[in-house]
Amino acid sequence: MARASKSDIRLDSPKGLRGPAITARDKAASRDRFGRFTESIARGMGTPGFLAGLSLFCLLWLGFNTWGPEEWRFDSAAIGFTALTLILSLQASYAAPMILLAQNRQDDRDRVQIEQDRQRAERNLADTEYLAREVVALRLSISDMASKDFIRSELRSLLEQLDERDAAAAKAQYENGAGNDAENGTRDAGNS
């Protein structure tokens, strides 16, 4: 018989809830949420408003610690505004990784977009090749068809043949009619 582990023996939680509660999907969602958060901060740091606000903050800091009441000053110009330098260094040390993270996420999106563009281009190329083959097939089938000029010339030759046949039939009928009149004339003469 297999030995039961500690999580199997626990009776204070339902069996379905034992073990790790965080799934890979939850971790990915958490990473994505953090990524979106850092992107929004990085995007905010690149705005003119942030730069103006940071500049105003530094000017107020420097002004207060230079011209403010002596007992209220917390950062001295004599020691080079050490607290301000530390605050700006801390801000820069957090800003750089956030910007890099935002760039990495943008690179991932660009890679996906490039792949989708490549697939779209392949489909367009396949569609274009198919249409080109269809156009060639149509041209070949049209080249086997009779043209207007060919049909006109054939109709003219048929009309000429019909005209010749009608003329020959009329001539034959005329000749037969003239011969019949001569025979009728001799018959009439013999009867009288």
N, C-alpha and C. Protein backbone atom coordinates (compact mmCIF):
# COMPACT_ATOMS: atom_id res chain seq x y z
N MET A 1 0.84 -1.17 0.00
CA MET A 1 0.00 0.00 0.00
C MET A 1 0.89 1.24 0.00
N ALA A 2 0.55 2.22 -0.87
CA ALA A 2 1.34 3.44 -0.98
C ALA A 2 1.09 4.32 0.24
N ARG A 3 2.15 4.98 0.63
CA ARG A 3 2.07 5.84 1.80
C ARG A 3 1.42 7.17 1.43
N ALA A 4 0.55 7.70 2.22
CA ALA A 4 -0.15 8.95 1.96
C ALA A 4 0.76 10.12 2.31
N SER A 5 0.68 11.17 1.48
CA SER A 5 1.48 12.36 1.75
C SER A 5 0.75 13.24 2.76
N LYS A 6 1.45 14.27 3.25
CA LYS A 6 0.85 15.16 4.25
C LYS A 6 -0.40 15.85 3.71
N SER A 7 -0.38 16.23 2.41
CA SER A 7 -1.55 16.93 1.86
C SER A 7 -2.75 15.99 1.75
N ASP A 8 -2.51 14.69 1.61
CA ASP A 8 -3.62 13.74 1.56
C ASP A 8 -4.23 13.52 2.94
N ILE A 9 -3.41 13.65 3.96
CA ILE A 9 -3.87 13.37 5.32
C ILE A 9 -4.64 14.54 5.90
N ARG A 10 -4.40 15.76 5.43
CA ARG A 10 -5.05 16.94 6.00
C ARG A 10 -6.56 16.83 5.86
N LEU A 11 -7.22 17.10 6.94
CA LEU A 11 -8.68 17.02 6.94
C LEU A 11 -9.34 18.38 7.08
N ASP A 12 -8.54 19.45 7.23
CA ASP A 12 -9.11 20.77 7.46
C ASP A 12 -9.44 21.52 6.17
N SER A 13 -9.13 20.95 5.01
CA SER A 13 -9.48 21.61 3.74
C SER A 13 -10.05 20.56 2.79
N PRO A 14 -10.96 20.99 1.93
CA PRO A 14 -11.52 20.03 0.97
C PRO A 14 -10.43 19.47 0.06
N LYS A 15 -10.66 18.27 -0.42
CA LYS A 15 -9.65 17.58 -1.23
C LYS A 15 -9.30 18.35 -2.50
N GLY A 16 -10.25 19.01 -3.12
CA GLY A 16 -10.00 19.76 -4.35
C GLY A 16 -9.15 20.99 -4.14
N LEU A 17 -9.10 21.53 -2.92
CA LEU A 17 -8.34 22.75 -2.66
C LEU A 17 -6.95 22.48 -2.14
N ARG A 18 -6.57 21.24 -1.94
CA ARG A 18 -5.23 20.93 -1.46
C ARG A 18 -4.22 21.12 -2.58
N GLY A 19 -3.06 21.54 -2.25
CA GLY A 19 -2.01 21.72 -3.24
C GLY A 19 -1.91 23.17 -3.66
N PRO A 20 -1.15 23.44 -4.72
CA PRO A 20 -0.94 24.85 -5.12
C PRO A 20 -2.23 25.45 -5.64
N ALA A 21 -2.55 26.61 -5.10
CA ALA A 21 -3.78 27.29 -5.50
C ALA A 21 -3.55 28.17 -6.72
N ILE A 22 -2.31 28.52 -7.01
CA ILE A 22 -2.00 29.40 -8.14
C ILE A 22 -1.66 28.54 -9.35
N THR A 23 -2.39 28.72 -10.42
CA THR A 23 -2.14 27.97 -11.64
C THR A 23 -1.25 28.78 -12.58
N ALA A 24 -0.80 28.15 -13.63
CA ALA A 24 0.04 28.83 -14.62
C ALA A 24 -0.73 29.96 -15.29
N ARG A 25 -2.02 29.77 -15.46
CA ARG A 25 -2.84 30.82 -16.07
C ARG A 25 -2.91 32.05 -15.17
N ASP A 26 -3.02 31.80 -13.85
CA ASP A 26 -3.04 32.92 -12.90
C ASP A 26 -1.71 33.66 -12.91
N LYS A 27 -0.61 32.91 -13.02
CA LYS A 27 0.71 33.54 -13.07
C LYS A 27 0.85 34.38 -14.33
N ALA A 28 0.38 33.87 -15.45
CA ALA A 28 0.48 34.62 -16.70
C ALA A 28 -0.38 35.88 -16.64
N ALA A 29 -1.56 35.76 -16.03
CA ALA A 29 -2.44 36.94 -15.89
C ALA A 29 -1.79 37.97 -14.99
N SER A 30 -1.14 37.49 -13.92
CA SER A 30 -0.46 38.41 -13.00
C SER A 30 0.71 39.10 -13.70
N ARG A 31 1.47 38.32 -14.49
CA ARG A 31 2.59 38.91 -15.25
C ARG A 31 2.09 39.92 -16.26
N ASP A 32 0.99 39.61 -16.90
CA ASP A 32 0.43 40.53 -17.89
C ASP A 32 -0.07 41.80 -17.22
N ARG A 33 -0.69 41.66 -16.06
CA ARG A 33 -1.17 42.82 -15.32
C ARG A 33 0.01 43.71 -14.91
N PHE A 34 1.07 43.08 -14.41
CA PHE A 34 2.26 43.84 -14.03
C PHE A 34 2.90 44.50 -15.25
N GLY A 35 2.93 43.79 -16.36
CA GLY A 35 3.49 44.35 -17.59
C GLY A 35 2.70 45.57 -18.06
N ARG A 36 1.37 45.47 -18.00
CA ARG A 36 0.54 46.62 -18.39
C ARG A 36 0.77 47.80 -17.45
N PHE A 37 0.93 47.49 -16.14
CA PHE A 37 1.19 48.54 -15.16
C PHE A 37 2.52 49.25 -15.47
N THR A 38 3.56 48.47 -15.72
CA THR A 38 4.88 49.09 -15.99
C THR A 38 4.86 49.85 -17.32
N GLU A 39 4.12 49.33 -18.29
CA GLU A 39 4.00 50.06 -19.57
C GLU A 39 3.31 51.40 -19.36
N SER A 40 2.29 51.42 -18.53
CA SER A 40 1.59 52.69 -18.31
C SER A 40 2.51 53.68 -17.60
N ILE A 41 3.33 53.21 -16.67
CA ILE A 41 4.27 54.10 -15.99
C ILE A 41 5.33 54.59 -16.98
N ALA A 42 5.88 53.66 -17.78
CA ALA A 42 6.90 54.05 -18.77
C ALA A 42 6.32 55.02 -19.79
N ARG A 43 5.07 54.78 -20.19
CA ARG A 43 4.42 55.68 -21.13
C ARG A 43 4.21 57.06 -20.50
N GLY A 44 3.87 57.05 -19.21
CA GLY A 44 3.67 58.31 -18.50
C GLY A 44 4.96 59.09 -18.32
N MET A 45 6.07 58.36 -18.12
CA MET A 45 7.36 59.04 -17.95
C MET A 45 7.85 59.70 -19.24
N GLY A 46 7.32 59.31 -20.34
CA GLY A 46 7.74 59.89 -21.61
C GLY A 46 6.91 61.06 -22.06
N THR A 47 6.03 61.52 -21.20
CA THR A 47 5.15 62.63 -21.59
C THR A 47 5.75 63.97 -21.18
N PRO A 48 5.39 65.02 -21.88
CA PRO A 48 5.86 66.36 -21.48
C PRO A 48 5.35 66.76 -20.09
N GLY A 49 4.19 66.30 -19.71
CA GLY A 49 3.65 66.61 -18.40
C GLY A 49 4.52 66.05 -17.28
N PHE A 50 5.00 64.81 -17.47
CA PHE A 50 5.88 64.23 -16.45
C PHE A 50 7.17 65.02 -16.35
N LEU A 51 7.75 65.36 -17.50
CA LEU A 51 9.01 66.11 -17.47
C LEU A 51 8.81 67.49 -16.84
N ALA A 52 7.71 68.13 -17.15
CA ALA A 52 7.43 69.44 -16.55
C ALA A 52 7.20 69.30 -15.04
N GLY A 53 6.48 68.27 -14.63
CA GLY A 53 6.23 68.04 -13.21
C GLY A 53 7.51 67.74 -12.45
N LEU A 54 8.37 66.91 -13.03
CA LEU A 54 9.65 66.58 -12.40
C LEU A 54 10.53 67.82 -12.29
N SER A 55 10.54 68.62 -13.34
CA SER A 55 11.33 69.85 -13.31
C SER A 55 10.80 70.81 -12.25
N LEU A 56 9.47 70.94 -12.16
CA LEU A 56 8.87 71.80 -11.16
C LEU A 56 9.18 71.29 -9.75
N PHE A 57 9.09 69.97 -9.56
CA PHE A 57 9.43 69.37 -8.26
C PHE A 57 10.87 69.71 -7.86
N CYS A 58 11.80 69.53 -8.80
CA CYS A 58 13.22 69.82 -8.51
C CYS A 58 13.42 71.31 -8.21
N LEU A 59 12.76 72.18 -8.97
CA LEU A 59 12.90 73.63 -8.72
C LEU A 59 12.34 74.01 -7.35
N LEU A 60 11.18 73.45 -7.00
CA LEU A 60 10.60 73.73 -5.69
C LEU A 60 11.51 73.21 -4.57
N TRP A 61 12.03 72.01 -4.76
CA TRP A 61 12.95 71.41 -3.79
C TRP A 61 14.17 72.31 -3.58
N LEU A 62 14.79 72.66 -4.71
CA LEU A 62 16.00 73.49 -4.63
C LEU A 62 15.67 74.87 -4.04
N GLY A 63 14.56 75.46 -4.45
CA GLY A 63 14.18 76.78 -3.95
C GLY A 63 13.89 76.76 -2.46
N PHE A 64 13.12 75.76 -2.02
CA PHE A 64 12.77 75.69 -0.61
C PHE A 64 14.02 75.46 0.25
N ASN A 65 14.90 74.56 -0.20
CA ASN A 65 16.09 74.24 0.59
C ASN A 65 17.20 75.28 0.45
N THR A 66 17.01 76.23 -0.45
CA THR A 66 17.98 77.32 -0.58
C THR A 66 17.48 78.56 0.13
N TRP A 67 16.22 78.96 -0.10
CA TRP A 67 15.70 80.23 0.42
C TRP A 67 14.66 80.06 1.53
N GLY A 68 14.30 78.84 1.85
CA GLY A 68 13.29 78.63 2.90
C GLY A 68 13.85 78.91 4.29
N PRO A 69 12.97 78.87 5.29
CA PRO A 69 13.43 79.09 6.67
C PRO A 69 14.50 78.06 7.05
N GLU A 70 15.51 78.49 7.70
CA GLU A 70 16.68 77.66 8.03
C GLU A 70 16.27 76.41 8.82
N GLU A 71 15.36 76.54 9.76
CA GLU A 71 14.99 75.39 10.59
C GLU A 71 14.10 74.39 9.86
N TRP A 72 13.47 74.78 8.76
CA TRP A 72 12.62 73.88 7.98
C TRP A 72 13.36 73.20 6.84
N ARG A 73 14.53 73.63 6.49
CA ARG A 73 15.29 73.02 5.39
C ARG A 73 15.69 71.59 5.78
N PHE A 74 15.50 70.64 4.88
CA PHE A 74 15.84 69.24 5.15
C PHE A 74 16.95 68.73 4.23
N ASP A 75 17.36 69.52 3.24
CA ASP A 75 18.43 69.14 2.33
C ASP A 75 19.29 70.37 2.11
N SER A 76 20.54 70.25 2.34
CA SER A 76 21.42 71.42 2.33
C SER A 76 22.15 71.56 1.01
N ALA A 77 22.29 72.81 0.57
CA ALA A 77 23.09 73.09 -0.62
C ALA A 77 24.56 72.85 -0.34
N ALA A 78 24.96 72.95 0.93
CA ALA A 78 26.36 72.77 1.31
C ALA A 78 26.82 71.33 1.05
N ILE A 79 25.93 70.37 1.21
CA ILE A 79 26.31 68.97 0.95
C ILE A 79 25.82 68.49 -0.42
N GLY A 80 25.43 69.41 -1.26
CA GLY A 80 25.08 69.09 -2.65
C GLY A 80 23.70 68.51 -2.85
N PHE A 81 22.75 68.89 -1.99
CA PHE A 81 21.38 68.38 -2.11
C PHE A 81 21.36 66.86 -2.23
N THR A 82 21.91 66.22 -1.23
CA THR A 82 22.06 64.76 -1.22
C THR A 82 20.72 64.04 -1.31
N ALA A 83 19.72 64.50 -0.59
CA ALA A 83 18.41 63.84 -0.60
C ALA A 83 17.77 63.90 -1.98
N LEU A 84 17.88 65.07 -2.64
CA LEU A 84 17.34 65.20 -4.00
C LEU A 84 18.06 64.27 -4.96
N THR A 85 19.37 64.20 -4.82
CA THR A 85 20.16 63.31 -5.68
C THR A 85 19.74 61.86 -5.46
N LEU A 86 19.54 61.46 -4.21
CA LEU A 86 19.11 60.09 -3.93
C LEU A 86 17.72 59.81 -4.50
N ILE A 87 16.81 60.77 -4.36
CA ILE A 87 15.45 60.58 -4.91
C ILE A 87 15.49 60.43 -6.42
N LEU A 88 16.26 61.30 -7.09
CA LEU A 88 16.34 61.21 -8.56
C LEU A 88 17.05 59.94 -9.00
N SER A 89 18.05 59.49 -8.24
CA SER A 89 18.73 58.22 -8.56
C SER A 89 17.78 57.04 -8.40
N LEU A 90 17.00 57.07 -7.33
CA LEU A 90 16.02 56.00 -7.12
C LEU A 90 14.99 55.99 -8.25
N GLN A 91 14.52 57.17 -8.62
CA GLN A 91 13.55 57.25 -9.72
C GLN A 91 14.16 56.70 -11.01
N ALA A 92 15.41 57.04 -11.29
CA ALA A 92 16.07 56.56 -12.51
C ALA A 92 16.31 55.06 -12.45
N SER A 93 16.65 54.55 -11.27
CA SER A 93 16.92 53.11 -11.16
C SER A 93 15.65 52.29 -11.36
N TYR A 94 14.49 52.83 -11.05
CA TYR A 94 13.24 52.14 -11.34
C TYR A 94 12.75 52.40 -12.75
N ALA A 95 13.03 53.58 -13.26
CA ALA A 95 12.53 53.93 -14.59
C ALA A 95 13.20 53.08 -15.67
N ALA A 96 14.49 52.86 -15.57
CA ALA A 96 15.21 52.12 -16.62
C ALA A 96 14.67 50.70 -16.81
N PRO A 97 14.52 49.89 -15.74
CA PRO A 97 13.96 48.54 -15.96
C PRO A 97 12.52 48.56 -16.46
N MET A 98 11.73 49.55 -16.00
CA MET A 98 10.35 49.62 -16.49
C MET A 98 10.32 49.94 -17.98
N ILE A 99 11.18 50.81 -18.42
CA ILE A 99 11.26 51.14 -19.84
C ILE A 99 11.71 49.93 -20.64
N LEU A 100 12.70 49.20 -20.11
CA LEU A 100 13.16 47.98 -20.79
C LEU A 100 12.06 46.93 -20.86
N LEU A 101 11.31 46.78 -19.77
CA LEU A 101 10.20 45.83 -19.77
C LEU A 101 9.15 46.23 -20.80
N ALA A 102 8.85 47.52 -20.85
CA ALA A 102 7.88 48.00 -21.84
C ALA A 102 8.39 47.77 -23.26
N GLN A 103 9.68 47.97 -23.48
CA GLN A 103 10.26 47.73 -24.80
C GLN A 103 10.20 46.25 -25.15
N ASN A 104 10.46 45.38 -24.17
CA ASN A 104 10.39 43.94 -24.43
C ASN A 104 8.97 43.52 -24.79
N ARG A 105 8.00 44.06 -24.07
CA ARG A 105 6.61 43.74 -24.40
C ARG A 105 6.25 44.25 -25.79
N GLN A 106 6.75 45.45 -26.13
CA GLN A 106 6.49 45.99 -27.46
C GLN A 106 7.17 45.13 -28.53
N ASP A 107 8.37 44.65 -28.24
CA ASP A 107 9.05 43.75 -29.17
C ASP A 107 8.25 42.47 -29.39
N ASP A 108 7.67 41.95 -28.30
CA ASP A 108 6.84 40.75 -28.43
C ASP A 108 5.62 41.03 -29.29
N ARG A 109 4.98 42.18 -29.07
CA ARG A 109 3.82 42.53 -29.90
C ARG A 109 4.23 42.72 -31.35
N ASP A 110 5.39 43.36 -31.56
CA ASP A 110 5.88 43.56 -32.93
C ASP A 110 6.16 42.22 -33.60
N ARG A 111 6.72 41.27 -32.85
CA ARG A 111 7.01 39.95 -33.41
C ARG A 111 5.72 39.26 -33.83
N VAL A 112 4.70 39.35 -32.99
CA VAL A 112 3.40 38.75 -33.33
C VAL A 112 2.82 39.44 -34.55
N GLN A 113 2.91 40.77 -34.59
CA GLN A 113 2.39 41.53 -35.74
C GLN A 113 3.13 41.17 -37.02
N ILE A 114 4.45 41.03 -36.92
CA ILE A 114 5.24 40.66 -38.10
C ILE A 114 4.84 39.28 -38.59
N GLU A 115 4.62 38.35 -37.67
CA GLU A 115 4.20 37.00 -38.06
C GLU A 115 2.84 37.04 -38.74
N GLN A 116 1.92 37.83 -38.18
CA GLN A 116 0.60 37.95 -38.81
C GLN A 116 0.71 38.61 -40.17
N ASP A 117 1.57 39.61 -40.31
CA ASP A 117 1.77 40.26 -41.61
C ASP A 117 2.36 39.28 -42.62
N ARG A 118 3.30 38.43 -42.16
CA ARG A 118 3.91 37.45 -43.05
C ARG A 118 2.86 36.45 -43.53
N GLN A 119 2.02 35.98 -42.60
CA GLN A 119 0.97 35.04 -43.00
C GLN A 119 -0.02 35.69 -43.96
N ARG A 120 -0.36 36.96 -43.71
CA ARG A 120 -1.27 37.68 -44.60
C ARG A 120 -0.64 37.84 -45.99
N ALA A 121 0.66 38.14 -46.01
CA ALA A 121 1.36 38.30 -47.29
C ALA A 121 1.40 36.97 -48.05
N GLU A 122 1.60 35.87 -47.33
CA GLU A 122 1.59 34.55 -47.98
C GLU A 122 0.22 34.25 -48.58
N ARG A 123 -0.84 34.58 -47.82
CA ARG A 123 -2.19 34.36 -48.36
C ARG A 123 -2.44 35.23 -49.58
N ASN A 124 -2.01 36.48 -49.52
CA ASN A 124 -2.18 37.39 -50.66
C ASN A 124 -1.42 36.87 -51.87
N LEU A 125 -0.20 36.36 -51.65
CA LEU A 125 0.59 35.83 -52.76
C LEU A 125 -0.09 34.61 -53.37
N ALA A 126 -0.61 33.73 -52.50
CA ALA A 126 -1.31 32.54 -53.01
C ALA A 126 -2.56 32.95 -53.79
N ASP A 127 -3.31 33.93 -53.27
CA ASP A 127 -4.49 34.41 -53.99
C ASP A 127 -4.12 35.04 -55.33
N THR A 128 -3.04 35.81 -55.35
CA THR A 128 -2.59 36.46 -56.58
C THR A 128 -2.16 35.42 -57.61
N GLU A 129 -1.43 34.40 -57.15
CA GLU A 129 -1.02 33.34 -58.08
C GLU A 129 -2.22 32.59 -58.63
N TYR A 130 -3.21 32.32 -57.79
CA TYR A 130 -4.42 31.65 -58.24
C TYR A 130 -5.14 32.50 -59.29
N LEU A 131 -5.29 33.79 -59.01
CA LEU A 131 -5.96 34.68 -59.96
C LEU A 131 -5.19 34.77 -61.28
N ALA A 132 -3.85 34.79 -61.19
CA ALA A 132 -3.04 34.84 -62.42
C ALA A 132 -3.27 33.58 -63.25
N ARG A 133 -3.32 32.42 -62.59
CA ARG A 133 -3.59 31.17 -63.32
C ARG A 133 -4.97 31.20 -63.96
N GLU A 134 -5.95 31.74 -63.26
CA GLU A 134 -7.30 31.83 -63.80
C GLU A 134 -7.34 32.77 -65.02
N VAL A 135 -6.63 33.88 -64.95
CA VAL A 135 -6.59 34.82 -66.08
C VAL A 135 -5.95 34.16 -67.29
N VAL A 136 -4.87 33.42 -67.05
CA VAL A 136 -4.22 32.72 -68.16
C VAL A 136 -5.16 31.69 -68.76
N ALA A 137 -5.89 30.96 -67.91
CA ALA A 137 -6.84 29.96 -68.42
C ALA A 137 -7.94 30.64 -69.24
N LEU A 138 -8.41 31.79 -68.79
CA LEU A 138 -9.43 32.52 -69.55
C LEU A 138 -8.88 33.00 -70.89
N ARG A 139 -7.66 33.49 -70.88
CA ARG A 139 -7.06 33.94 -72.15
C ARG A 139 -6.92 32.79 -73.13
N LEU A 140 -6.51 31.63 -72.63
CA LEU A 140 -6.38 30.47 -73.51
C LEU A 140 -7.73 30.05 -74.07
N SER A 141 -8.75 30.07 -73.22
CA SER A 141 -10.07 29.66 -73.71
C SER A 141 -10.64 30.71 -74.67
N ILE A 142 -10.33 31.98 -74.45
CA ILE A 142 -10.79 33.02 -75.37
C ILE A 142 -10.06 32.94 -76.70
N SER A 143 -8.79 32.56 -76.67
CA SER A 143 -8.05 32.47 -77.94
C SER A 143 -8.60 31.35 -78.81
N ASP A 144 -9.21 30.33 -78.20
CA ASP A 144 -9.82 29.25 -78.99
C ASP A 144 -11.19 29.66 -79.52
N MET A 145 -11.77 30.70 -79.02
CA MET A 145 -13.09 31.14 -79.46
C MET A 145 -12.97 31.96 -80.74
N ALA A 146 -14.07 31.98 -81.47
CA ALA A 146 -14.10 32.75 -82.72
C ALA A 146 -14.21 34.24 -82.41
N SER A 147 -13.46 35.01 -83.18
CA SER A 147 -13.51 36.46 -82.99
C SER A 147 -14.65 37.05 -83.82
N LYS A 148 -14.96 38.32 -83.56
CA LYS A 148 -16.01 39.01 -84.33
C LYS A 148 -15.65 39.06 -85.81
N ASP A 149 -14.39 39.37 -86.10
CA ASP A 149 -13.98 39.46 -87.50
C ASP A 149 -14.11 38.12 -88.21
N PHE A 150 -13.74 37.03 -87.54
CA PHE A 150 -13.85 35.70 -88.14
C PHE A 150 -15.31 35.38 -88.42
N ILE A 151 -16.19 35.67 -87.45
CA ILE A 151 -17.62 35.38 -87.63
C ILE A 151 -18.19 36.22 -88.77
N ARG A 152 -17.79 37.49 -88.86
CA ARG A 152 -18.27 38.35 -89.96
C ARG A 152 -17.83 37.82 -91.32
N SER A 153 -16.57 37.41 -91.42
CA SER A 153 -16.09 36.91 -92.71
C SER A 153 -16.81 35.61 -93.08
N GLU A 154 -17.08 34.75 -92.09
CA GLU A 154 -17.81 33.51 -92.36
C GLU A 154 -19.24 33.82 -92.80
N LEU A 155 -19.87 34.78 -92.14
CA LEU A 155 -21.22 35.14 -92.54
C LEU A 155 -21.26 35.75 -93.93
N ARG A 156 -20.26 36.59 -94.26
CA ARG A 156 -20.20 37.16 -95.61
C ARG A 156 -20.04 36.06 -96.67
N SER A 157 -19.16 35.10 -96.40
CA SER A 157 -18.97 34.04 -97.39
C SER A 157 -20.24 33.20 -97.52
N LEU A 158 -20.95 32.96 -96.41
CA LEU A 158 -22.22 32.23 -96.51
C LEU A 158 -23.25 33.03 -97.30
N LEU A 159 -23.30 34.35 -97.05
CA LEU A 159 -24.23 35.18 -97.82
C LEU A 159 -23.89 35.16 -99.31
N GLU A 160 -22.59 35.21 -99.62
CA GLU A 160 -22.19 35.16 -101.04
C GLU A 160 -22.59 33.83 -101.66
N GLN A 161 -22.39 32.74 -100.91
CA GLN A 161 -22.78 31.42 -101.43
C GLN A 161 -24.30 31.35 -101.64
N LEU A 162 -25.05 31.91 -100.66
CA LEU A 162 -26.50 31.91 -100.82
C LEU A 162 -26.93 32.77 -102.00
N ASP A 163 -26.27 33.94 -102.16
CA ASP A 163 -26.58 34.79 -103.30
C ASP A 163 -26.28 34.07 -104.62
N GLU A 164 -25.14 33.37 -104.66
CA GLU A 164 -24.78 32.63 -105.88
C GLU A 164 -25.79 31.52 -106.15
N ARG A 165 -26.21 30.82 -105.10
CA ARG A 165 -27.16 29.74 -105.26
C ARG A 165 -28.52 30.29 -105.71
N ASP A 166 -28.92 31.42 -105.10
CA ASP A 166 -30.19 32.03 -105.50
C ASP A 166 -30.12 32.51 -106.95
N ALA A 167 -28.97 33.09 -107.31
CA ALA A 167 -28.81 33.55 -108.70
C ALA A 167 -28.84 32.37 -109.66
N ALA A 168 -28.17 31.27 -109.29
CA ALA A 168 -28.16 30.09 -110.16
C ALA A 168 -29.56 29.50 -110.25
N ALA A 169 -30.30 29.47 -109.13
CA ALA A 169 -31.66 28.93 -109.15
C ALA A 169 -32.57 29.81 -109.99
N ALA A 170 -32.40 31.14 -109.87
CA ALA A 170 -33.24 32.05 -110.65
C ALA A 170 -32.92 31.89 -112.14
N LYS A 171 -31.63 31.74 -112.44
CA LYS A 171 -31.24 31.57 -113.85
C LYS A 171 -31.80 30.26 -114.39
N ALA A 172 -31.72 29.21 -113.59
CA ALA A 172 -32.24 27.91 -114.04
C ALA A 172 -33.76 27.98 -114.20
N GLN A 173 -34.42 28.67 -113.32
CA GLN A 173 -35.86 28.80 -113.42
C GLN A 173 -36.24 29.62 -114.64
N TYR A 174 -35.45 30.66 -114.91
CA TYR A 174 -35.71 31.49 -116.07
C TYR A 174 -35.53 30.69 -117.35
N GLU A 175 -34.44 29.92 -117.36
CA GLU A 175 -34.18 29.11 -118.56
C GLU A 175 -35.25 28.04 -118.72
N ASN A 176 -35.64 27.43 -117.63
CA ASN A 176 -36.70 26.43 -117.70
C ASN A 176 -38.01 27.09 -118.09
N GLY A 177 -38.28 28.26 -117.63
CA GLY A 177 -39.52 28.96 -117.97
C GLY A 177 -39.52 29.37 -119.43
N ALA A 178 -38.42 29.80 -120.03
CA ALA A 178 -38.32 30.20 -121.43
C ALA A 178 -38.46 28.98 -122.33
N GLY A 179 -37.89 27.88 -121.92
CA GLY A 179 -38.00 26.64 -122.71
C GLY A 179 -39.42 26.13 -122.68
N ASN A 180 -40.10 26.23 -121.59
CA ASN A 180 -41.47 25.80 -121.46
C ASN A 180 -42.38 26.68 -122.32
N ASP A 181 -42.07 27.96 -122.39
CA ASP A 181 -42.88 28.85 -123.22
C ASP A 181 -42.72 28.49 -124.70
N ALA A 182 -41.53 28.13 -125.10
CA ALA A 182 -41.29 27.76 -126.50
C ALA A 182 -42.03 26.48 -126.82
N GLU A 183 -42.00 25.53 -125.89
CA GLU A 183 -42.71 24.27 -126.12
C GLU A 183 -44.22 24.52 -126.16
N ASN A 184 -44.67 25.34 -125.30
CA ASN A 184 -46.08 25.66 -125.28
C ASN A 184 -46.49 26.39 -126.58
N GLY A 185 -45.60 27.21 -127.09
CA GLY A 185 -45.88 27.93 -128.32
C GLY A 185 -45.97 26.98 -129.51
N THR A 186 -45.11 25.98 -129.59
CA THR A 186 -45.16 25.02 -130.67
C THR A 186 -46.38 24.13 -130.53
N ARG A 187 -46.74 23.81 -129.35
CA ARG A 187 -47.91 23.01 -129.14
C ARG A 187 -49.17 23.77 -129.56
N ASP A 188 -49.16 25.00 -129.22
CA ASP A 188 -50.31 25.82 -129.58
C ASP A 188 -50.39 25.96 -131.12
N ALA A 189 -49.24 26.07 -131.76
CA ALA A 189 -49.21 26.22 -133.22
C ALA A 189 -49.66 24.92 -133.88
N GLY A 190 -49.29 23.79 -133.32
CA GLY A 190 -49.66 22.51 -133.90
C GLY A 190 -51.14 22.23 -133.71
N ASN A 191 -51.74 22.75 -132.73
CA ASN A 191 -53.14 22.53 -132.44
C ASN A 191 -54.02 23.40 -133.33
N SER A 192 -53.49 24.42 -133.84
CA SER A 192 -54.33 25.28 -134.64
C SER A 192 -54.36 24.89 -136.03
